[in-house]
Protein backbone atom coordinates (compact mmCIF):
# COMPACT_ATOMS: atom_id res chain seq x y z
CA MET A 1 0.00 0.00 0.00
CA ASN A 2 1.39 3.39 -0.99
CA GLU A 3 1.46 5.85 1.86
CA GLY A 4 1.04 9.59 1.66
CA GLU A 5 3.90 11.81 2.84
CA ASP A 6 3.61 13.23 6.35
CA THR A 7 0.50 11.15 6.87
CA GLU A 8 -0.09 8.83 9.78
CA TRP A 9 -1.76 5.53 8.91
CA TYR A 10 -3.27 2.81 11.01
CA TYR A 11 -3.22 -0.71 9.59
CA THR A 12 -5.39 -3.77 10.01
CA ILE A 13 -5.31 -7.24 8.45
CA LYS A 14 -8.42 -9.07 7.41
CA LYS A 15 -8.85 -12.81 7.02
CA ASP A 16 -11.63 -13.92 4.69
CA GLY A 17 -13.17 -10.44 4.98
CA ARG A 18 -13.14 -10.25 8.76
CA GLU A 19 -10.77 -8.29 10.97
CA TYR A 20 -7.89 -10.57 12.01
CA VAL A 21 -5.29 -8.09 13.32
CA PRO A 22 -6.63 -4.89 14.98
CA HIS A 23 -5.63 -1.38 13.81
CA SER A 24 -2.02 -0.61 14.60
CA LEU A 25 0.75 1.70 13.52
CA LEU A 26 2.79 -1.40 12.61
CA LYS A 27 2.75 -2.06 8.90
CA ASN A 28 4.57 -5.44 9.08
CA TYR A 29 3.00 -8.52 10.58
CA THR A 30 4.45 -12.03 10.82
CA LEU A 31 1.90 -14.80 10.51
CA GLU A 32 2.95 -17.96 12.35
CA ILE A 33 1.46 -20.95 10.59
CA THR A 34 0.49 -23.62 13.12
CA SER A 35 -2.37 -25.47 11.43
CA THR A 36 -4.41 -25.79 8.27
CA GLN A 37 -6.90 -23.33 9.81
CA HIS A 38 -4.61 -20.57 8.64
CA SER A 39 -5.66 -21.28 5.06
CA ALA A 40 -7.58 -18.16 3.93
CA GLU A 41 -7.58 -15.02 1.81
CA TYR A 42 -5.74 -12.15 3.48
CA GLN A 43 -5.72 -8.41 2.78
CA CYS A 44 -4.79 -5.29 4.66
CA SER A 45 -6.39 -1.87 4.89
CA GLY A 46 -4.97 1.48 5.91
CA LEU A 47 -6.87 4.21 7.77
CA MET A 48 -5.68 7.84 7.47
CA THR A 49 -5.94 9.44 10.88
CA ASP A 50 -6.84 13.00 9.85
CA SER A 51 -9.28 12.36 7.02
CA ARG A 52 -10.57 8.95 8.02
CA ASP A 53 -9.77 7.89 4.46
CA THR A 54 -9.41 4.11 3.98
CA LYS A 55 -7.41 2.18 1.40
CA ILE A 56 -7.63 -1.60 0.84
CA SER A 57 -4.83 -3.81 -0.54
CA ASN A 58 -4.98 -6.66 -3.00
CA THR A 59 -5.92 -10.14 -1.74
CA VAL A 60 -3.32 -12.83 -0.99
CA SER A 61 -4.50 -16.43 -0.83
CA ILE A 62 -2.59 -18.73 1.50
CA THR A 63 -3.13 -22.48 1.46
CA VAL A 64 -1.74 -24.37 4.44
CA LEU A 65 -1.25 -28.12 4.07
CA ASP A 66 -0.64 -30.67 6.80
CA LYS A 67 3.01 -31.14 7.65
CA PRO A 68 4.39 -33.37 4.92
CA ARG A 69 6.06 -36.70 5.54
CA ALA A 70 9.07 -37.63 3.48
CA THR A 71 8.83 -40.83 1.43
CA LEU A 72 11.79 -43.21 1.27
CA THR A 73 12.03 -45.81 -1.50
CA ALA A 74 14.71 -48.40 -2.25
CA GLY A 75 15.59 -50.12 -5.49
CA THR A 76 15.77 -53.35 -3.48
CA THR A 77 16.03 -54.17 0.20
CA ILE A 78 18.31 -57.21 -0.17
CA ILE A 79 21.74 -56.92 -1.77
CA PRO A 80 24.69 -59.33 -2.01
CA VAL A 81 27.95 -58.87 -0.15
CA GLY A 82 29.91 -56.12 -1.98
CA GLY A 83 26.79 -54.74 -3.68
CA SER A 84 24.94 -51.46 -3.19
CA VAL A 85 21.48 -49.98 -3.62
CA THR A 86 20.05 -46.52 -4.36
CA LEU A 87 17.76 -44.91 -1.78
CA THR A 88 15.47 -42.04 -2.82
CA CYS A 89 13.90 -39.47 -0.49
CA SER A 90 11.06 -37.28 -1.78
CA VAL A 91 8.41 -34.84 -0.60
CA GLN A 92 5.25 -35.03 -2.65
CA SER A 93 3.97 -32.06 -4.70
CA SER A 94 6.51 -29.49 -3.54
CA ASP A 95 9.96 -28.19 -4.45
CA GLY A 96 13.06 -26.65 -2.91
CA TRP A 97 13.90 -29.44 -0.53
CA LYS A 98 17.21 -30.68 0.73
CA TYR A 99 17.40 -33.96 2.60
CA GLU A 100 18.79 -35.39 5.78
CA TRP A 101 19.60 -39.08 5.97
CA PHE A 102 19.72 -41.36 9.02
CA ARG A 103 20.90 -44.91 9.72
CA ARG A 104 20.66 -47.10 12.79
CA THR A 105 20.95 -50.76 13.76
CA GLN A 106 19.55 -52.87 16.56
CA ARG A 107 22.76 -52.23 18.48
CA THR A 108 23.33 -48.54 17.64
CA SER A 109 21.17 -45.43 17.99
CA GLU A 110 20.06 -43.37 15.03
CA GLY A 111 22.79 -41.24 13.49
CA LYS A 112 22.87 -38.74 10.65
CA ILE A 113 24.74 -39.74 7.51
CA ARG A 114 27.22 -36.91 6.96
CA ASP A 115 27.49 -34.86 3.79
CA GLN A 116 24.40 -36.36 2.26
CA GLN A 117 21.79 -33.77 1.30
CA ASN A 118 20.91 -35.24 -2.07
CA ARG A 119 17.60 -36.73 -2.99
CA ASP A 120 19.34 -39.98 -3.99
CA ILE A 121 22.12 -41.75 -2.13
CA ARG A 122 23.82 -45.09 -2.70
CA VAL A 123 24.51 -47.37 0.29
CA SER A 124 26.31 -50.68 0.73
CA GLN A 125 25.80 -51.23 4.47
CA GLY A 126 22.96 -53.13 6.03
CA GLY A 127 20.82 -51.27 8.53
CA ILE A 128 17.63 -49.28 9.08
CA TYR A 129 17.46 -46.10 6.97
CA SER A 130 15.16 -43.05 7.13
CA CYS A 131 15.15 -39.47 5.82
CA ARG A 132 13.40 -36.10 6.04
CA GLY A 133 13.18 -32.94 3.96
CA THR A 134 14.44 -29.49 4.97
CA ARG A 135 14.00 -26.05 3.42
CA GLY A 136 13.78 -22.35 4.26
CA ASN A 137 15.39 -20.11 6.86
CA PRO A 138 14.65 -20.72 9.65
CA VAL A 139 14.76 -24.36 8.60
CA TYR A 140 11.47 -26.18 8.22
CA TYR A 141 11.51 -29.97 8.63
CA THR A 142 9.12 -32.53 7.25
CA ASP A 143 8.14 -35.55 9.31
CA ILE A 144 10.68 -38.36 9.10
CA SER A 145 9.92 -41.06 6.56
CA ASP A 146 9.01 -44.63 7.37
CA ASP A 147 11.97 -46.94 7.91
CA VAL A 148 13.50 -49.05 5.17
CA THR A 149 15.65 -52.01 6.21
CA ILE A 150 18.55 -52.99 3.95
CA GLU A 151 19.93 -56.51 4.34
CA ILE A 152 23.17 -57.96 2.98
CA THR A 153 23.04 -61.59 1.83
CA PHE A 154 25.88 -64.08 2.18
CA PRO A 155 26.43 -66.63 -0.60
CA ASN A 156 26.44 -69.55 1.86
CA LYS A 157 23.76 -72.13 1.13
CA VAL A 158 21.48 -73.11 4.01
CA VAL A 159 19.65 -76.44 4.26
CA VAL A 160 17.12 -77.94 6.67
CA LYS A 161 17.99 -81.46 7.82
CA GLN A 162 15.88 -83.94 9.76
CA GLN A 163 16.95 -86.30 12.53
CA PRO A 164 16.27 -89.18 12.65
CA ASN A 165 16.65 -89.24 8.88
CA TRP A 166 13.81 -91.69 8.20
CA PRO A 167 11.92 -91.55 4.90
CA GLN A 168 8.61 -91.59 6.76
CA ILE A 169 7.72 -89.83 9.99
CA PHE A 170 4.65 -90.86 11.95
CA ARG A 171 2.43 -88.77 14.18
CA GLY A 172 3.50 -89.07 17.79
CA GLU A 173 7.19 -89.40 16.97
CA THR A 174 9.72 -86.79 18.08
CA ILE A 175 12.06 -85.29 15.48
CA THR A 176 14.70 -82.57 15.32
CA LEU A 177 15.07 -80.14 12.42
CA THR A 178 18.51 -78.56 12.04
CA CYS A 179 19.44 -75.42 10.09
CA GLU A 180 22.87 -76.06 8.57
CA VAL A 181 25.04 -73.37 6.96
CA GLN A 182 27.21 -74.88 4.26
CA GLU A 183 30.19 -73.78 2.18
CA GLY A 184 32.54 -72.50 4.87
CA GLY A 185 30.04 -71.39 7.49
CA GLU A 186 31.55 -73.58 10.20
CA THR A 187 33.90 -70.87 11.54
CA THR A 188 31.24 -68.14 11.84
CA GLU A 189 28.98 -67.57 14.84
CA TRP A 190 25.45 -67.56 13.46
CA GLU A 191 21.96 -67.02 14.72
CA TYR A 192 18.91 -68.46 13.04
CA GLU A 193 15.39 -67.62 11.93
CA TRP A 194 12.73 -70.19 11.08
CA ARG A 195 9.53 -70.31 9.08
CA GLY A 196 7.20 -73.20 9.75
CA PRO A 197 4.19 -74.36 11.77
CA ARG A 198 6.22 -75.42 14.84
CA THR A 199 9.22 -73.09 14.90
CA PRO A 200 10.24 -69.97 16.88
CA THR A 201 9.25 -66.63 15.37
CA GLN A 202 12.31 -64.72 16.63
CA TRP A 203 16.01 -65.01 15.87
CA THR A 204 17.70 -67.60 18.08
CA HIS A 205 21.23 -68.89 18.70
CA ASN A 206 19.98 -72.47 18.48
CA ASN A 207 20.18 -73.99 15.04
CA ASP A 208 17.67 -76.76 15.75
CA VAL A 209 14.10 -77.25 16.89
CA THR A 210 12.70 -80.43 18.43
CA PHE A 211 9.01 -81.26 18.60
CA ARG A 212 6.52 -84.10 18.58
CA VAL A 213 4.95 -84.64 15.18
CA SER A 214 1.21 -84.03 14.95
CA GLU A 215 -1.30 -83.04 12.32
CA SER A 216 -0.70 -79.35 13.10
CA SER A 217 3.06 -79.67 12.61
CA SER A 218 2.77 -80.85 9.01
CA GLY A 219 3.89 -78.25 6.46
CA ASP A 220 6.90 -76.51 4.93
CA TYR A 221 9.91 -75.51 7.03
CA MET A 222 12.61 -73.01 5.98
CA CYS A 223 15.45 -71.27 7.78
CA LYS A 224 18.11 -68.65 7.25
CA SER A 225 21.05 -67.44 9.32
CA ARG A 226 22.87 -64.21 10.03
CA ARG A 227 26.08 -63.28 11.79
CA ARG A 228 25.65 -62.57 15.47
CA ASP A 229 27.73 -59.39 15.19
CA ASP A 230 25.77 -58.02 12.20
CA SER A 231 21.99 -58.15 12.35
CA TYR A 232 21.59 -57.02 8.74
CA SER A 233 23.87 -59.50 6.99
CA SER A 234 22.18 -62.85 6.46
CA THR A 235 21.96 -65.81 4.13
CA GLU A 236 19.02 -66.33 1.83
CA TRP A 237 16.16 -68.60 2.90
CA SER A 238 16.76 -72.30 2.52
CA GLU A 239 14.68 -74.43 0.21
CA ALA A 240 11.47 -75.64 1.82
CA PHE A 241 11.61 -78.92 3.74
CA THR A 242 8.17 -80.55 3.70
CA LEU A 243 7.13 -82.51 6.78
CA SER A 244 4.11 -84.80 6.55
CA GLY A 245 3.24 -86.78 9.66
CA SER A 246 1.76 -90.09 8.52
CA ILE A 247 -0.46 -92.49 10.42
CA PRO A 248 0.97 -96.04 10.17
CA SER A 249 -1.43 -98.82 9.32
CA LYS A 250 -2.29 -101.40 11.93
CA PRO A 251 0.20 -104.31 11.74
CA THR A 252 -0.93 -107.66 10.38
CA VAL A 253 0.30 -111.10 11.40
CA THR A 254 0.51 -113.60 8.54
CA LEU A 255 1.48 -117.26 8.30
CA GLN A 256 3.56 -118.85 5.58
CA PRO A 257 2.18 -121.26 4.51
CA SER A 258 -1.12 -119.60 5.29
CA TRP A 259 -2.57 -122.63 7.13
CA THR A 260 -3.84 -121.88 10.62
CA GLN A 261 -3.96 -125.61 11.43
CA ILE A 262 -0.84 -127.71 10.99
CA TYR A 263 0.53 -130.99 12.31
CA SER A 264 3.41 -131.54 14.63
CA GLY A 265 6.68 -131.71 12.82
CA GLU A 266 5.67 -129.23 10.13
CA THR A 267 7.39 -125.85 9.63
CA VAL A 268 5.62 -122.47 9.55
CA THR A 269 6.80 -118.82 9.48
CA VAL A 270 4.98 -116.16 11.52
CA ARG A 271 5.47 -112.68 9.98
CA CYS A 272 4.61 -109.11 11.17
CA GLU A 273 3.77 -106.69 8.36
CA ILE A 274 3.13 -102.91 8.63
CA GLN A 275 1.58 -101.44 5.50
CA GLY A 276 2.85 -97.93 4.74
CA GLY A 277 5.85 -98.44 7.01
CA GLU A 278 8.26 -99.58 4.34
CA GLY A 279 11.73 -98.19 4.85
CA ALA A 280 11.10 -97.44 8.52
CA GLN A 281 13.65 -98.82 10.94
CA TRP A 282 11.23 -100.85 13.02
CA THR A 283 11.87 -103.21 15.86
CA TYR A 284 9.13 -105.68 16.73
CA GLU A 285 7.39 -106.96 19.81
CA TRP A 286 5.42 -110.19 19.87
CA ARG A 287 2.64 -111.83 21.77
CA ALA A 288 3.09 -114.64 22.69
CA ALA A 289 6.36 -113.59 24.22
CA LYS A 290 7.65 -117.15 23.96
CA LEU A 291 8.82 -116.36 20.44
CA ASN A 292 12.58 -116.12 20.78
CA THR A 293 12.98 -113.66 17.91
CA PRO A 294 15.55 -110.85 17.51
CA PRO A 295 13.72 -107.48 17.84
CA THR A 296 14.99 -106.34 14.44
CA SER A 297 13.34 -109.27 12.65
CA ASN A 298 9.74 -109.11 11.54
CA ASP A 299 9.33 -112.87 11.20
CA HIS A 300 9.88 -116.06 13.17
CA ARG A 301 10.27 -119.53 11.73
CA ILE A 302 8.84 -122.42 13.75
CA ILE A 303 10.70 -125.59 12.73
CA ARG A 304 9.10 -128.96 13.61
CA ALA A 305 6.09 -127.46 15.32
CA THR A 306 4.77 -129.06 18.49
CA GLU A 307 1.50 -128.68 20.35
CA SER A 308 3.18 -126.09 22.60
CA ASP A 309 3.40 -123.77 19.58
CA SER A 310 -0.38 -123.59 19.42
CA GLY A 311 -1.92 -120.27 20.44
CA GLY A 312 -2.62 -116.69 19.42
CA TYR A 313 0.04 -114.49 17.86
CA SER A 314 0.05 -110.68 17.52
CA CYS A 315 2.74 -108.02 17.04
CA ARG A 316 3.46 -104.32 17.00
CA GLY A 317 6.23 -102.13 15.62
CA ARG A 318 8.44 -99.82 17.63
CA ARG A 319 10.72 -96.97 16.59
CA ASP A 320 12.49 -95.15 19.41
CA TYR A 321 9.64 -94.15 21.73
CA PHE A 322 6.90 -94.58 19.15
CA PHE A 323 4.72 -97.72 19.11
CA SER A 324 2.24 -98.83 16.49
CA GLU A 325 -1.01 -100.51 17.47
CA TRP A 326 -1.08 -104.19 18.27
CA SER A 327 -2.18 -106.33 15.36
CA ASP A 328 -5.24 -108.53 15.48
CA ILE A 329 -4.55 -112.00 16.85
CA ILE A 330 -4.08 -114.91 14.49
CA THR A 331 -4.53 -118.36 16.04
CA LEU A 332 -2.28 -121.28 15.12
CA THR A 333 -3.32 -124.86 16.01
CA VAL A 334 -0.74 -127.67 16.01
CA SER A 335 -2.22 -131.21 16.10
CA CYS A 336 -0.56 -134.60 16.68
CA LYS A 337 0.19 -136.56 13.48
CA ILE A 338 -2.12 -139.62 13.03
CA PHE A 339 -1.00 -142.55 10.83
CA HIS A 340 -3.59 -144.48 8.85
CA PRO A 341 -2.95 -147.74 6.92
CA GLU A 342 -3.68 -146.00 3.67
CA TYR A 343 -0.68 -143.74 4.24
CA LEU A 344 1.65 -146.81 4.24
CA ASN A 345 2.97 -148.18 0.98
CA LYS A 346 1.86 -151.57 -0.28
CA GLU A 347 5.15 -153.28 0.55
CA LYS A 348 4.89 -152.31 4.22
CA ALA A 349 1.26 -153.43 4.23
CA LEU A 350 2.14 -156.87 2.85
CA LEU A 351 5.01 -157.26 5.30
CA LEU A 352 2.75 -156.33 8.18
CA SER A 353 0.12 -158.83 7.01
CA TYR A 354 2.70 -161.64 6.60
CA SER A 355 4.12 -161.03 10.06
CA PHE A 356 0.67 -161.14 11.56
CA ILE A 357 -0.16 -164.46 9.88
CA THR A 358 3.15 -166.03 10.89
CA VAL A 359 2.77 -165.08 14.52
CA PHE A 360 -0.79 -166.42 14.53
CA HIS A 361 0.33 -169.82 13.15
CA VAL A 362 3.03 -170.24 15.83
CA GLY A 363 0.44 -169.53 18.44
CA GLN A 364 -1.60 -172.58 17.23
């Protein structure tokens, strides 16, 4: 507003047509922006003291936005040892910004990355990164961006191994899964992370997990490892190890030959069979316990059976602390051998008849 010479003016500022700053001799006013409520159209007016003449300025429109938050993006969050990645900090829909960059780890507090005011920076260290925008004098700061975690991957291959290393695992058995770092990882102190239905959700110094197999534990298991002195340098995830807890079939006792009634002196083999348990390292228990059979054998051969071998036979399989069901009982009957004349050959029959006649004649 142009002022007249030797004239005293009083000034006021209006906001959206209403008086905002009362009349004053001060012609400069600093508006402190504290919220979006300061968005409005502003103008000032001058009042001449002697003539009561009033002049009104042009209108200035001010739009106040919420405090912006910087946005941090990364080309990738996982890079190999010796690699690097570009991080970009931006403030949406506005210009004139410089940037401050920060990095921290789980063991160190947040620190500013020196001499980095660019929108883009390239980093090769693992860690947690963030940024914010700055501009103006006095300096205005945006809110700090969300964190971006950069991880460094080692080339070591990681595998999940199972103990005992049986081809089939049954529900109720106890197993141990081990996360093994290969290709020179033996000399490094690692910690481990697991993915799977029955594994810890946090990093742990233990490279194995032990649990009892159940329906809920079936699924895919993976692991990865990282150095204990560097939380952001890790291996890649292992290939998935699939665990499926089976239910073994009920054992069956069979006879070979398949006769359940034999005669004394004959030979028969009693066998314990577990369908679906092929390849499992079973030991066997028998009823009747009188079978003197090695526990690793699933059959028993009865040579020259006697009546004492008659009875019911059943079995079950055992592997460590796991037992299958007992089989149904199969009953074996051993009878005495009876000789009939028709079983004798004709020569023996004639000899017997001749002897009988001769003895009878002497008796006369």
